[in-house]
Structure formats: C-alpha cells, structure tokens
Amino acid sequence: HKLEEGMVITDEPGIYEDGQFGIRIENEFIVRKGVENKYGQFMHFETITFAPIDLDGIDPEEMSRSEREWLNNYHKDVYEKIGPHLNDEEREWLKEYTREV
C-alpha cells in the first residue's frame, strides 16, 4: 500500500475496564509528506481535531516530560484556535481546562 499525502487517520488511545467501562481520546490527523532522503519518503502528522483532553483523568506525575510538553502544547493550540469563537464564560471554562500540567 502506498500512503498518499492528505490521508486522514485517527489516534485513539484509551483504557477499558472489563465488564465496566471504557474511555478513549480520539484525535484526527492529516498525513503530510516530510523529508525524503536515502532511507525513503518520511511522513508527519498535522492535527485537525482541537478539543481539550479532560485533565481530571490525568496524573501528571505519571507522565514523562515529553508527554507533558506535548499535552501543554496541544492545549495551547486548542485555546488559541477555539477561544476566539467563544463568549467570555465559555472562554474562561476553556482556559481552565487547557491549563498547563
């Protein structure tokens, strides 16, 4: 299969408790061409879903530094892209739920 640029894929990490419940976070990405070198054509992902990830379910102490950086950068993007479309009360809620961890 040849992967074409512009293809949309999802990333759906989650946790499932047998016979009880499950929850997952789903983001959509566009696959984009990156550098091409002697090893072939590399690809990268462009995020196209911007919704806050529920911080109530996250223990920052269990996250690596790079995971915390990714989450903080993602939430910064969420706030910058979604915030201008909200009223003051909604924007305050978004600010709280996209805070740094």
Protein backbone atom coordinates (compact mmCIF):
# COMPACT_ATOMS: atom_id res chain seq x y z
CA HIS A 1 0.00 0.00 0.00
CA LYS A 2 1.34 3.40 -0.94
CA LEU A 3 0.43 6.05 1.63
CA GLU A 4 -0.81 9.19 -0.08
CA GLU A 5 -0.35 12.67 1.36
CA GLY A 6 -3.58 14.11 2.66
CA MET A 7 -4.94 10.85 4.06
CA VAL A 8 -6.84 11.30 7.36
CA ILE A 9 -6.13 8.87 10.19
CA THR A 10 -7.16 8.66 13.85
CA ASP A 11 -5.25 8.05 17.05
CA GLU A 12 -7.46 6.53 19.74
CA PRO A 13 -5.62 5.73 22.99
CA GLY A 14 -7.88 4.56 25.79
CA ILE A 15 -8.41 2.47 28.87
CA TYR A 16 -11.01 -0.24 29.24
CA GLU A 17 -12.10 -1.99 32.44
CA ASP A 18 -13.51 -5.47 31.69
CA GLY A 19 -17.27 -5.53 32.16
CA GLN A 20 -17.34 -1.97 33.50
CA PHE A 21 -16.50 0.89 31.15
CA GLY A 22 -14.09 2.31 28.68
CA ILE A 23 -12.93 5.74 27.72
CA ARG A 24 -10.73 6.91 24.90
CA ILE A 25 -9.34 10.09 23.46
CA GLU A 26 -9.66 10.39 19.71
CA ASN A 27 -7.80 12.83 17.52
CA GLU A 28 -7.76 13.07 13.76
CA PHE A 29 -4.63 13.83 11.75
CA ILE A 30 -3.77 14.51 8.13
CA VAL A 31 -0.73 12.60 6.90
CA ARG A 32 1.71 15.00 5.23
CA LYS A 33 4.91 14.42 3.30
CA GLY A 34 8.05 15.25 5.24
CA VAL A 35 11.66 14.96 4.16
CA GLU A 36 12.81 12.45 1.59
CA ASN A 37 16.31 11.09 1.89
CA LYS A 38 18.30 7.94 1.12
CA TYR A 39 16.03 5.99 3.51
CA GLY A 40 12.85 6.95 1.68
CA GLN A 41 9.93 9.31 1.98
CA PHE A 42 9.16 10.31 5.57
CA MET A 43 5.72 11.48 6.66
CA HIS A 44 4.42 13.54 9.58
CA PHE A 45 1.03 14.28 11.08
CA GLU A 46 -0.94 17.52 11.15
CA THR A 47 -3.54 17.66 13.94
CA ILE A 48 -7.01 18.64 12.77
CA THR A 49 -9.07 17.87 15.91
CA PHE A 50 -8.88 20.54 18.59
CA ALA A 51 -10.79 19.70 21.77
CA PRO A 52 -9.42 19.75 25.32
CA ILE A 53 -8.33 16.48 26.88
CA ASP A 54 -10.00 16.05 30.29
CA LEU A 55 -7.36 16.91 32.88
CA ASP A 56 -9.43 15.30 35.66
CA GLY A 57 -8.37 11.91 34.29
CA ILE A 58 -4.66 12.71 34.06
CA ASP A 59 -1.97 12.26 36.69
CA PRO A 60 0.92 14.47 35.56
CA GLU A 61 3.26 12.62 37.94
CA GLU A 62 2.82 9.52 35.75
CA MET A 63 3.71 11.41 32.57
CA SER A 64 7.15 11.87 31.09
CA ARG A 65 8.46 15.36 30.47
CA SER A 66 7.88 14.99 26.72
CA GLU A 67 4.28 13.79 27.30
CA ARG A 68 3.55 16.82 29.49
CA GLU A 69 5.13 19.12 26.89
CA TRP A 70 3.02 17.55 24.13
CA LEU A 71 -0.19 17.95 26.19
CA ASN A 72 0.62 21.56 27.14
CA ASN A 73 1.43 22.47 23.52
CA TYR A 74 -1.73 20.74 22.29
CA HIS A 75 -3.88 22.56 24.85
CA LYS A 76 -2.26 25.87 23.90
CA ASP A 77 -3.26 25.21 20.28
CA VAL A 78 -6.80 24.26 21.37
CA TYR A 79 -7.19 27.50 23.32
CA GLU A 80 -5.78 29.66 20.51
CA LYS A 81 -7.95 28.06 17.82
CA ILE A 82 -11.23 27.65 19.72
CA GLY A 83 -11.14 30.53 22.23
CA PRO A 84 -11.88 33.35 19.77
CA HIS A 85 -15.16 31.65 18.81
CA LEU A 86 -16.48 31.53 22.39
CA ASN A 87 -18.20 34.01 24.68
CA ASP A 88 -16.41 35.20 27.85
CA GLU A 89 -17.88 32.49 30.11
CA GLU A 90 -17.06 29.69 27.67
CA ARG A 91 -13.55 31.06 27.13
CA GLU A 92 -12.92 31.07 30.91
CA TRP A 93 -14.01 27.41 31.07
CA LEU A 94 -11.70 26.56 28.17
CA LYS A 95 -8.80 28.42 29.80
CA GLU A 96 -9.22 26.31 32.97
CA TYR A 97 -9.42 23.02 31.06
CA THR A 98 -6.44 23.75 28.83
CA ARG A 99 -4.16 24.87 31.68
CA GLU A 100 -0.61 23.56 31.85
CA VAL A 101 0.13 20.40 33.80
